[in-house]
C-alpha atoms as a PDB file:
ATOM      1  CA  MET A   1     171.956  58.593   9.412  1.00  0.00           C
ATOM      2  CA  ASN A   2     169.227  61.057  10.361  1.00  0.00           C
ATOM      3  CA  LYS A   3     166.193  59.426   8.790  1.00  0.00           C
ATOM      4  CA  THR A   4     163.556  57.457  10.609  1.00  0.00           C
ATOM      5  CA  ILE A   5     160.496  55.458   9.580  1.00  0.00           C
ATOM      6  CA  ILE A   6     157.367  56.243  11.594  1.00  0.00           C
ATOM      7  CA  THR A   7     154.278  54.060  11.344  1.00  0.00           C
ATOM      8  CA  VAL A   8     150.875  54.805  12.831  1.00  0.00           C
ATOM      9  CA  VAL A   9     148.167  52.119  12.873  1.00  0.00           C
ATOM     10  CA  GLY A  10     144.794  51.915  14.591  1.00  0.00           C
ATOM     11  CA  LYS A  11     141.088  52.603  14.512  1.00  0.00           C
ATOM     12  CA  ASP A  12     140.421  55.813  12.574  1.00  0.00           C
ATOM     13  CA  THR A  13     139.482  58.876  14.577  1.00  0.00           C
ATOM     14  CA  VAL A  14     139.597  62.641  14.169  1.00  0.00           C
ATOM     15  CA  GLY A  15     142.962  64.309  14.721  1.00  0.00           C
ATOM     16  CA  ILE A  16     145.478  61.470  14.362  1.00  0.00           C
ATOM     17  CA  ILE A  17     147.514  63.169  11.644  1.00  0.00           C
ATOM     18  CA  ALA A  18     147.283  66.546  13.378  1.00  0.00           C
ATOM     19  CA  ARG A  19     148.566  65.219  16.713  1.00  0.00           C
ATOM     20  CA  VAL A  20     151.444  63.228  15.235  1.00  0.00           C
ATOM     21  CA  CYS A  21     152.526  66.000  12.857  1.00  0.00           C
ATOM     22  CA  THR A  22     152.282  68.634  15.605  1.00  0.00           C
ATOM     23  CA  TYR A  23     154.565  66.550  17.811  1.00  0.00           C
ATOM     24  CA  LEU A  24     157.075  66.181  14.971  1.00  0.00           C
ATOM     25  CA  ALA A  25     157.001  69.893  14.107  1.00  0.00           C
ATOM     26  CA  ASP A  26     157.430  70.870  17.759  1.00  0.00           C
ATOM     27  CA  ASN A  27     160.575  68.714  17.822  1.00  0.00           C
ATOM     28  CA  GLN A  28     162.067  70.026  14.560  1.00  0.00           C
ATOM     29  CA  VAL A  29     161.437  66.768  12.671  1.00  0.00           C
ATOM     30  CA  ASN A  30     160.901  67.221   8.934  1.00  0.00           C
ATOM     31  CA  ILE A  31     158.492  64.851   7.169  1.00  0.00           C
ATOM     32  CA  GLU A  32     160.079  63.972   3.826  1.00  0.00           C
ATOM     33  CA  ASP A  33     157.479  61.497   2.589  1.00  0.00           C
ATOM     34  CA  ILE A  34     154.100  60.397   3.867  1.00  0.00           C
ATOM     35  CA  SER A  35     151.495  57.828   2.887  1.00  0.00           C
ATOM     36  CA  GLN A  36     148.150  57.448   4.621  1.00  0.00           C
ATOM     37  CA  THR A  37     145.179  55.184   4.000  1.00  0.00           C
ATOM     38  CA  ILE A  38     141.980  54.212   5.735  1.00  0.00           C
ATOM     39  CA  VAL A  39     140.606  50.736   5.065  1.00  0.00           C
ATOM     40  CA  GLN A  40     137.243  49.776   6.574  1.00  0.00           C
ATOM     41  CA  GLY A  41     137.728  52.187   9.457  1.00  0.00           C
ATOM     42  CA  TYR A  42     141.356  51.333  10.169  1.00  0.00           C
ATOM     43  CA  PHE A  43     143.947  54.075   9.826  1.00  0.00           C
ATOM     44  CA  ASN A  44     147.455  53.365   8.491  1.00  0.00           C
ATOM     45  CA  MET A  45     150.168  55.979   7.996  1.00  0.00           C
ATOM     46  CA  MET A  46     153.844  55.624   7.140  1.00  0.00           C
ATOM     47  CA  MET A  47     156.294  58.509   7.153  1.00  0.00           C
ATOM     48  CA  ILE A  48     159.943  58.966   6.325  1.00  0.00           C
ATOM     49  CA  ALA A  49     161.245  61.785   8.474  1.00  0.00           C
ATOM     50  CA  ASP A  50     164.530  63.626   8.956  1.00  0.00           C
ATOM     51  CA  ILE A  51     165.393  63.926  12.650  1.00  0.00           C
ATOM     52  CA  GLY A  52     168.730  65.677  12.048  1.00  0.00           C
ATOM     53  CA  ARG A  53     167.595  69.038  13.469  1.00  0.00           C
ATOM     54  CA  SER A  54     165.891  67.647  16.546  1.00  0.00           C
ATOM     55  CA  GLN A  55     167.627  68.315  19.851  1.00  0.00           C
ATOM     56  CA  LYS A  56     165.826  65.385  21.470  1.00  0.00           C
ATOM     57  CA  PRO A  57     167.594  62.016  21.806  1.00  0.00           C
ATOM     58  CA  PHE A  58     166.143  59.388  19.462  1.00  0.00           C
ATOM     59  CA  SER A  59     165.227  57.016  22.303  1.00  0.00           C
ATOM     60  CA  GLU A  60     163.268  59.765  24.053  1.00  0.00           C
ATOM     61  CA  MET A  61     161.406  60.586  20.849  1.00  0.00           C
ATOM     62  CA  VAL A  62     160.512  56.911  20.367  1.00  0.00           C
ATOM     63  CA  THR A  63     159.086  56.717  23.885  1.00  0.00           C
ATOM     64  CA  GLU A  64     157.143  59.965  23.531  1.00  0.00           C
ATOM     65  CA  LEU A  65     155.650  58.869  20.203  1.00  0.00           C
ATOM     66  CA  GLU A  66     154.606  55.528  21.700  1.00  0.00           C
ATOM     67  CA  ASN A  67     152.989  57.388  24.608  1.00  0.00           C
ATOM     68  CA  LEU A  68     151.236  59.764  22.204  1.00  0.00           C
ATOM     69  CA  GLY A  69     149.897  56.746  20.330  1.00  0.00           C
ATOM     70  CA  GLU A  70     148.451  55.283  23.526  1.00  0.00           C
ATOM     71  CA  GLU A  71     146.883  58.648  24.321  1.00  0.00           C
ATOM     72  CA  ILE A  72     145.114  58.901  20.955  1.00  0.00           C
ATOM     73  CA  GLY A  73     144.300  55.191  20.581  1.00  0.00           C
ATOM     74  CA  VAL A  74     146.771  54.122  17.889  1.00  0.00           C
ATOM     75  CA  ARG A  75     150.080  52.293  17.775  1.00  0.00           C
ATOM     76  CA  ILE A  76     153.046  54.474  16.790  1.00  0.00           C
ATOM     77  CA  ARG A  77     156.392  52.885  16.010  1.00  0.00           C
ATOM     78  CA  CYS A  78     159.595  54.684  15.118  1.00  0.00           C
ATOM     79  CA  MET A  79     162.692  52.991  13.678  1.00  0.00           C
ATOM     80  CA  ARG A  80     165.914  54.304  12.189  1.00  0.00           C
ATOM     81  CA  GLU A  81     165.845  53.988   8.398  1.00  0.00           C
ATOM     82  CA  ASP A  82     169.006  51.879   8.167  1.00  0.00           C
ATOM     83  CA  ILE A  83     167.600  49.272  10.579  1.00  0.00           C
ATOM     84  CA  PHE A  84     164.207  49.292   8.800  1.00  0.00           C
ATOM     85  CA  THR A  85     165.927  48.758   5.428  1.00  0.00           C
ATOM     86  CA  LYS A  86     168.031  45.877   6.729  1.00  0.00           C
ATOM     87  CA  MET A  87     165.017  44.185   8.331  1.00  0.00           C
ATOM     88  CA  HIS A  88     162.977  44.340   5.107  1.00  0.00           C
ATOM     89  CA  ARG A  89     165.694  43.305   2.674  1.00  0.00           C
ATOM     90  CA  ILE A  90     164.999  40.073   0.815  1.00  0.00           C
END
């Protein structure tokens, strides 16, 4: 499976979407669906992305996204879609 769920949560600031999407584009990751909201100054974004064309190992991408999140002051988590689905099944 080549899909991953990416979540971004934190205090809203300029450039969050731009930085995350630039990273994904630079690594040949296609965003298939995206939802973003801001509630009382807190930013929340969830993406479903196809990582099938990326040459980067998944574990390396996860680490780099977490590091990017620290750099821009948000928490970025990345999980394979099949694991996400199994964890949230009732």
